Amino acid sequence: MKKRAVILGILLAVVTATPILSPHNPKPIPTPKHATMEQKKANKMLAIKLARYGWGWKGKEWVCTDTLFTKESRYDHLADNKKSSAFGIGQMLNETSKDPEIQLLRTFRYIQKRYSTPCRALRHHHRLGWY
């Protein structure tokens, strides 16, 4: 009976995607605080595609976009600003999503709405330290 309960506990943990706790490891595995290099590279490739095909930002505008994202987070979708509520690739205020695609879409929409182009957003960033 005890063996059956252990097996059911393990299956339940796997199905619900919760870490299995054991006497040797009583704490669950913590979530990462930073993206891996592979994730950052994938985020940059996604940003390139969205900027070019979604907004038509290529050439000079892409260089400005790349500069902004490199300054803000180095394409880390888990980047957390301790001084404000800014989070993610674009360091958007009050960003709650950990999904890089959602972060990029929200950031591009913000840049377009507020500055029209990434180069104007970057000029603002150079003047004031934020965009």
N, C-alpha and C. Protein backbone atom coordinates (compact mmCIF):
# COMPACT_ATOMS: atom_id res chain seq x y z
N MET A 1 0.82 -1.18 0.00
CA MET A 1 0.00 0.00 0.00
C MET A 1 0.86 1.25 0.00
N LYS A 2 1.95 1.25 0.79
CA LYS A 2 2.84 2.41 0.87
C LYS A 2 3.53 2.63 -0.48
N LYS A 3 3.91 1.55 -1.15
CA LYS A 3 4.56 1.64 -2.45
C LYS A 3 3.62 2.28 -3.47
N ARG A 4 2.36 1.89 -3.42
CA ARG A 4 1.36 2.44 -4.34
C ARG A 4 1.18 3.94 -4.11
N ALA A 5 1.16 4.36 -2.85
CA ALA A 5 1.01 5.79 -2.52
C ALA A 5 2.20 6.59 -3.02
N VAL A 6 3.39 6.02 -2.92
CA VAL A 6 4.59 6.70 -3.40
C VAL A 6 4.53 6.86 -4.93
N ILE A 7 4.13 5.81 -5.62
CA ILE A 7 4.02 5.86 -7.08
C ILE A 7 2.97 6.88 -7.51
N LEU A 8 1.84 6.89 -6.83
CA LEU A 8 0.80 7.88 -7.15
C LEU A 8 1.28 9.29 -6.88
N GLY A 9 2.04 9.49 -5.82
CA GLY A 9 2.60 10.80 -5.51
C GLY A 9 3.56 11.28 -6.58
N ILE A 10 4.39 10.36 -7.07
CA ILE A 10 5.34 10.69 -8.14
C ILE A 10 4.59 11.03 -9.42
N LEU A 11 3.61 10.22 -9.80
CA LEU A 11 2.82 10.50 -11.00
C LEU A 11 2.09 11.83 -10.90
N LEU A 12 1.52 12.10 -9.76
CA LEU A 12 0.83 13.37 -9.56
C LEU A 12 1.79 14.55 -9.71
N ALA A 13 2.99 14.41 -9.16
CA ALA A 13 4.00 15.47 -9.26
C ALA A 13 4.40 15.70 -10.71
N VAL A 14 4.57 14.63 -11.47
CA VAL A 14 4.95 14.75 -12.88
C VAL A 14 3.82 15.39 -13.67
N VAL A 15 2.61 14.95 -13.46
CA VAL A 15 1.46 15.47 -14.19
C VAL A 15 1.23 16.94 -13.89
N THR A 16 1.38 17.34 -12.66
CA THR A 16 1.13 18.74 -12.30
C THR A 16 2.38 19.60 -12.47
N ALA A 17 3.47 19.02 -12.90
CA ALA A 17 4.74 19.73 -13.16
C ALA A 17 5.29 20.43 -11.93
N THR A 18 5.05 19.84 -10.77
CA THR A 18 5.65 20.38 -9.56
C THR A 18 6.87 19.53 -9.22
N PRO A 19 7.90 20.16 -8.69
CA PRO A 19 9.09 19.38 -8.37
C PRO A 19 8.80 18.37 -7.27
N ILE A 20 9.47 17.24 -7.33
CA ILE A 20 9.32 16.20 -6.31
C ILE A 20 10.24 16.55 -5.15
N LEU A 21 9.70 16.59 -3.96
CA LEU A 21 10.49 16.88 -2.79
C LEU A 21 10.92 15.56 -2.16
N SER A 22 12.13 15.54 -1.68
CA SER A 22 12.63 14.33 -1.03
C SER A 22 13.36 14.73 0.24
N PRO A 23 13.65 13.78 1.10
CA PRO A 23 14.39 14.12 2.32
C PRO A 23 15.77 14.71 2.00
N HIS A 24 16.35 14.33 0.84
CA HIS A 24 17.67 14.81 0.46
C HIS A 24 17.60 16.20 -0.18
N ASN A 25 16.46 16.54 -0.75
CA ASN A 25 16.28 17.84 -1.40
C ASN A 25 14.91 18.39 -1.03
N PRO A 26 14.77 18.98 0.16
CA PRO A 26 13.45 19.41 0.62
C PRO A 26 12.92 20.67 -0.07
N LYS A 27 13.76 21.39 -0.80
CA LYS A 27 13.31 22.63 -1.45
C LYS A 27 13.10 22.40 -2.94
N PRO A 28 12.08 23.01 -3.52
CA PRO A 28 11.89 22.89 -4.97
C PRO A 28 12.99 23.63 -5.71
N ILE A 29 13.22 23.25 -6.95
CA ILE A 29 14.22 23.89 -7.79
C ILE A 29 13.77 25.32 -8.06
N PRO A 30 14.61 26.31 -7.77
CA PRO A 30 14.20 27.69 -7.99
C PRO A 30 14.13 28.03 -9.48
N THR A 31 13.27 29.00 -9.81
CA THR A 31 13.20 29.45 -11.20
C THR A 31 14.42 30.31 -11.47
N PRO A 32 14.93 30.27 -12.70
CA PRO A 32 16.14 31.04 -13.02
C PRO A 32 15.88 32.54 -12.93
N LYS A 33 16.92 33.30 -12.58
CA LYS A 33 16.81 34.75 -12.47
C LYS A 33 17.30 35.45 -13.73
N HIS A 34 18.00 34.72 -14.59
CA HIS A 34 18.52 35.30 -15.83
C HIS A 34 18.36 34.29 -16.96
N ALA A 35 18.23 34.80 -18.16
CA ALA A 35 18.15 33.94 -19.34
C ALA A 35 19.53 33.37 -19.66
N THR A 36 19.55 32.22 -20.29
CA THR A 36 20.81 31.63 -20.74
C THR A 36 21.25 32.34 -22.02
N MET A 37 22.50 32.13 -22.40
CA MET A 37 23.00 32.72 -23.65
C MET A 37 22.18 32.25 -24.85
N GLU A 38 21.78 30.98 -24.85
CA GLU A 38 20.97 30.46 -25.95
C GLU A 38 19.62 31.17 -26.01
N GLN A 39 19.02 31.40 -24.85
CA GLN A 39 17.74 32.10 -24.81
C GLN A 39 17.89 33.55 -25.30
N LYS A 40 18.97 34.21 -24.90
CA LYS A 40 19.22 35.59 -25.34
C LYS A 40 19.40 35.65 -26.85
N LYS A 41 20.13 34.69 -27.40
CA LYS A 41 20.32 34.65 -28.86
C LYS A 41 18.99 34.42 -29.56
N ALA A 42 18.18 33.53 -29.03
CA ALA A 42 16.86 33.27 -29.62
C ALA A 42 15.98 34.51 -29.51
N ASN A 43 16.05 35.22 -28.39
CA ASN A 43 15.27 36.45 -28.21
C ASN A 43 15.69 37.51 -29.23
N LYS A 44 16.99 37.60 -29.48
CA LYS A 44 17.47 38.58 -30.47
C LYS A 44 16.99 38.22 -31.87
N MET A 45 17.04 36.94 -32.21
CA MET A 45 16.55 36.51 -33.53
C MET A 45 15.06 36.80 -33.68
N LEU A 46 14.31 36.58 -32.63
CA LEU A 46 12.88 36.88 -32.64
C LEU A 46 12.66 38.38 -32.80
N ALA A 47 13.45 39.18 -32.11
CA ALA A 47 13.34 40.65 -32.22
C ALA A 47 13.64 41.11 -33.64
N ILE A 48 14.64 40.52 -34.27
CA ILE A 48 14.99 40.88 -35.65
C ILE A 48 13.80 40.61 -36.57
N LYS A 49 13.23 39.43 -36.45
CA LYS A 49 12.09 39.05 -37.31
C LYS A 49 10.88 39.95 -37.07
N LEU A 50 10.54 40.18 -35.79
CA LEU A 50 9.38 41.02 -35.50
C LEU A 50 9.60 42.46 -35.95
N ALA A 51 10.79 43.00 -35.72
CA ALA A 51 11.08 44.38 -36.13
C ALA A 51 10.97 44.53 -37.64
N ARG A 52 11.54 43.59 -38.36
CA ARG A 52 11.56 43.68 -39.81
C ARG A 52 10.19 43.43 -40.43
N TYR A 53 9.57 42.32 -40.07
CA TYR A 53 8.33 41.92 -40.75
C TYR A 53 7.07 42.49 -40.11
N GLY A 54 7.13 42.79 -38.82
CA GLY A 54 5.96 43.33 -38.16
C GLY A 54 5.87 44.85 -38.22
N TRP A 55 7.03 45.51 -38.15
CA TRP A 55 7.04 46.97 -38.11
C TRP A 55 7.80 47.60 -39.27
N GLY A 56 8.51 46.81 -40.05
CA GLY A 56 9.28 47.36 -41.16
C GLY A 56 10.55 48.06 -40.70
N TRP A 57 10.99 47.78 -39.48
CA TRP A 57 12.20 48.41 -38.95
C TRP A 57 13.40 47.54 -39.30
N LYS A 58 14.19 48.02 -40.25
CA LYS A 58 15.42 47.33 -40.64
C LYS A 58 16.49 48.38 -40.85
N GLY A 59 17.69 47.97 -41.20
CA GLY A 59 18.78 48.91 -41.41
C GLY A 59 19.04 49.75 -40.17
N LYS A 60 19.02 51.08 -40.36
CA LYS A 60 19.30 52.02 -39.28
C LYS A 60 18.34 51.83 -38.09
N GLU A 61 17.06 51.61 -38.39
CA GLU A 61 16.08 51.44 -37.31
C GLU A 61 16.36 50.17 -36.51
N TRP A 62 16.84 49.12 -37.20
CA TRP A 62 17.19 47.91 -36.46
C TRP A 62 18.40 48.18 -35.57
N VAL A 63 19.38 48.92 -36.06
CA VAL A 63 20.57 49.23 -35.26
C VAL A 63 20.15 49.96 -33.97
N CYS A 64 19.22 50.90 -34.09
CA CYS A 64 18.72 51.62 -32.92
C CYS A 64 17.98 50.67 -31.96
N THR A 65 17.18 49.78 -32.52
CA THR A 65 16.46 48.80 -31.70
C THR A 65 17.44 47.92 -30.95
N ASP A 66 18.43 47.41 -31.66
CA ASP A 66 19.44 46.54 -31.07
C ASP A 66 20.20 47.27 -29.96
N THR A 67 20.53 48.53 -30.20
CA THR A 67 21.24 49.32 -29.19
C THR A 67 20.38 49.48 -27.93
N LEU A 68 19.11 49.79 -28.11
CA LEU A 68 18.20 49.95 -26.97
C LEU A 68 18.11 48.67 -26.15
N PHE A 69 17.84 47.56 -26.83
CA PHE A 69 17.64 46.29 -26.11
C PHE A 69 18.94 45.80 -25.47
N THR A 70 20.07 46.07 -26.11
CA THR A 70 21.35 45.69 -25.52
C THR A 70 21.61 46.51 -24.27
N LYS A 71 21.34 47.82 -24.32
CA LYS A 71 21.53 48.68 -23.15
C LYS A 71 20.59 48.28 -22.02
N GLU A 72 19.34 48.02 -22.35
CA GLU A 72 18.32 47.77 -21.34
C GLU A 72 18.45 46.40 -20.68
N SER A 73 18.66 45.36 -21.47
CA SER A 73 18.59 44.02 -20.87
C SER A 73 19.53 42.98 -21.47
N ARG A 74 20.22 43.34 -22.54
CA ARG A 74 21.04 42.36 -23.28
C ARG A 74 20.18 41.17 -23.74
N TYR A 75 18.93 41.49 -24.09
CA TYR A 75 17.95 40.52 -24.59
C TYR A 75 17.53 39.48 -23.56
N ASP A 76 17.70 39.79 -22.31
CA ASP A 76 17.30 38.88 -21.23
C ASP A 76 15.82 39.12 -20.89
N HIS A 77 14.97 38.15 -21.21
CA HIS A 77 13.54 38.30 -20.94
C HIS A 77 13.20 38.18 -19.44
N LEU A 78 14.19 37.84 -18.63
CA LEU A 78 13.99 37.77 -17.18
C LEU A 78 14.67 38.92 -16.45
N ALA A 79 15.21 39.89 -17.19
CA ALA A 79 15.92 41.02 -16.59
C ALA A 79 14.97 41.82 -15.72
N ASP A 80 15.39 42.05 -14.49
CA ASP A 80 14.56 42.74 -13.51
C ASP A 80 15.30 43.97 -13.03
N ASN A 81 14.68 45.14 -13.13
CA ASN A 81 15.28 46.38 -12.69
C ASN A 81 14.95 46.60 -11.22
N LYS A 82 15.96 46.59 -10.38
CA LYS A 82 15.75 46.73 -8.93
C LYS A 82 15.30 48.14 -8.54
N LYS A 83 15.56 49.14 -9.42
CA LYS A 83 15.24 50.53 -9.10
C LYS A 83 13.81 50.92 -9.49
N SER A 84 13.15 50.07 -10.29
CA SER A 84 11.79 50.40 -10.73
C SER A 84 11.02 49.11 -10.98
N SER A 85 9.84 49.25 -11.56
CA SER A 85 9.04 48.07 -11.87
C SER A 85 9.31 47.59 -13.30
N ALA A 86 10.39 48.07 -13.91
CA ALA A 86 10.73 47.67 -15.28
C ALA A 86 11.19 46.21 -15.30
N PHE A 87 10.79 45.51 -16.37
CA PHE A 87 11.10 44.08 -16.46
C PHE A 87 11.20 43.67 -17.92
N GLY A 88 12.05 42.70 -18.20
CA GLY A 88 12.09 42.07 -19.52
C GLY A 88 13.04 42.70 -20.52
N ILE A 89 12.91 42.27 -21.75
CA ILE A 89 13.81 42.68 -22.83
C ILE A 89 13.80 44.19 -23.03
N GLY A 90 12.63 44.77 -23.10
CA GLY A 90 12.51 46.22 -23.33
C GLY A 90 12.46 47.02 -22.05
N GLN A 91 12.55 46.35 -20.90
CA GLN A 91 12.45 47.01 -19.60
C GLN A 91 11.21 47.90 -19.51
N MET A 92 10.08 47.32 -19.90
CA MET A 92 8.81 48.02 -19.85
C MET A 92 8.32 48.09 -18.41
N LEU A 93 7.74 49.22 -18.04
CA LEU A 93 7.20 49.38 -16.69
C LEU A 93 5.99 48.47 -16.50
N ASN A 94 5.92 47.87 -15.35
CA ASN A 94 4.80 46.99 -14.98
C ASN A 94 4.63 45.78 -15.90
N GLU A 95 5.66 45.38 -16.60
CA GLU A 95 5.60 44.18 -17.44
C GLU A 95 5.48 42.96 -16.53
N THR A 96 4.55 42.08 -16.84
CA THR A 96 4.36 40.89 -16.01
C THR A 96 4.65 39.60 -16.77
N SER A 97 4.65 39.65 -18.08
CA SER A 97 4.86 38.44 -18.87
C SER A 97 6.33 38.05 -18.89
N LYS A 98 6.57 36.75 -18.81
CA LYS A 98 7.93 36.23 -18.97
C LYS A 98 8.13 35.67 -20.37
N ASP A 99 7.14 35.83 -21.22
CA ASP A 99 7.20 35.35 -22.61
C ASP A 99 7.90 36.41 -23.46
N PRO A 100 9.06 36.08 -24.06
CA PRO A 100 9.81 37.05 -24.85
C PRO A 100 9.00 37.65 -26.01
N GLU A 101 8.17 36.85 -26.65
CA GLU A 101 7.40 37.35 -27.79
C GLU A 101 6.40 38.43 -27.33
N ILE A 102 5.73 38.19 -26.24
CA ILE A 102 4.77 39.17 -25.72
C ILE A 102 5.52 40.44 -25.31
N GLN A 103 6.65 40.28 -24.64
CA GLN A 103 7.45 41.44 -24.24
C GLN A 103 7.86 42.28 -25.44
N LEU A 104 8.33 41.61 -26.50
CA LEU A 104 8.77 42.33 -27.70
C LEU A 104 7.61 43.03 -28.38
N LEU A 105 6.48 42.35 -28.50
CA LEU A 105 5.32 42.96 -29.14
C LEU A 105 4.87 44.20 -28.37
N ARG A 106 4.81 44.11 -27.06
CA ARG A 106 4.40 45.26 -26.24
C ARG A 106 5.41 46.40 -26.36
N THR A 107 6.71 46.07 -26.38
CA THR A 107 7.74 47.10 -26.48
C THR A 107 7.70 47.78 -27.84
N PHE A 108 7.56 47.00 -28.91
CA PHE A 108 7.49 47.59 -30.25
C PHE A 108 6.27 48.48 -30.39
N ARG A 109 5.15 48.04 -29.85
CA ARG A 109 3.93 48.84 -29.91
C ARG A 109 4.12 50.16 -29.15
N TYR A 110 4.75 50.08 -27.99
CA TYR A 110 5.04 51.27 -27.19
C TYR A 110 5.95 52.24 -27.96
N ILE A 111 7.04 51.72 -28.53
CA ILE A 111 7.97 52.57 -29.27
C ILE A 111 7.26 53.25 -30.42
N GLN A 112 6.47 52.49 -31.16
CA GLN A 112 5.77 53.06 -32.31
C GLN A 112 4.77 54.14 -31.86
N LYS A 113 4.04 53.86 -30.81
CA LYS A 113 3.01 54.79 -30.34
C LYS A 113 3.62 56.07 -29.77
N ARG A 114 4.68 55.93 -28.99
CA ARG A 114 5.25 57.10 -28.32
C ARG A 114 6.29 57.85 -29.13
N TYR A 115 7.13 57.11 -29.90
CA TYR A 115 8.25 57.75 -30.59
C TYR A 115 8.20 57.61 -32.12
N SER A 116 7.36 56.81 -32.63
CA SER A 116 7.25 56.49 -34.07
C SER A 116 8.33 55.54 -34.55
N THR A 117 9.58 55.76 -34.12
CA THR A 117 10.68 54.91 -34.58
C THR A 117 11.62 54.57 -33.42
N PRO A 118 12.36 53.47 -33.55
CA PRO A 118 13.35 53.13 -32.53
C PRO A 118 14.47 54.17 -32.41
N CYS A 119 14.85 54.82 -33.51
CA CYS A 119 15.93 55.81 -33.44
C CYS A 119 15.50 57.03 -32.62
N ARG A 120 14.24 57.41 -32.72
CA ARG A 120 13.75 58.51 -31.88
C ARG A 120 13.71 58.09 -30.42
N ALA A 121 13.33 56.85 -30.17
CA ALA A 121 13.33 56.33 -28.80
C ALA A 121 14.75 56.31 -28.24
N LEU A 122 15.71 55.92 -29.08
CA LEU A 122 17.11 55.86 -28.64
C LEU A 122 17.64 57.27 -28.35
N ARG A 123 17.30 58.24 -29.18
CA ARG A 123 17.74 59.62 -28.93
C ARG A 123 17.19 60.11 -27.58
N HIS A 124 15.94 59.78 -27.30
CA HIS A 124 15.34 60.14 -26.02
C HIS A 124 16.10 59.45 -24.88
N HIS A 125 16.45 58.20 -25.08
CA HIS A 125 17.19 57.43 -24.08
C HIS A 125 18.55 58.08 -23.83
N HIS A 126 19.23 58.51 -24.88
CA HIS A 126 20.54 59.16 -24.72
C HIS A 126 20.42 60.45 -23.91
N ARG A 127 19.35 61.20 -24.13
CA ARG A 127 19.15 62.48 -23.42
C ARG A 127 18.78 62.29 -21.96
N LEU A 128 17.85 61.36 -21.69
CA LEU A 128 17.29 61.25 -20.35
C LEU A 128 17.60 59.95 -19.59
N GLY A 129 18.14 58.96 -20.29
CA GLY A 129 18.48 57.69 -19.63
C GLY A 129 17.33 56.70 -19.58
N TRP A 130 16.23 57.01 -20.20
CA TRP A 130 15.06 56.11 -20.28
C TRP A 130 14.30 56.45 -21.55
N TYR A 131 13.40 55.55 -21.94
CA TYR A 131 12.56 55.83 -23.10
C TYR A 131 11.13 55.43 -22.83
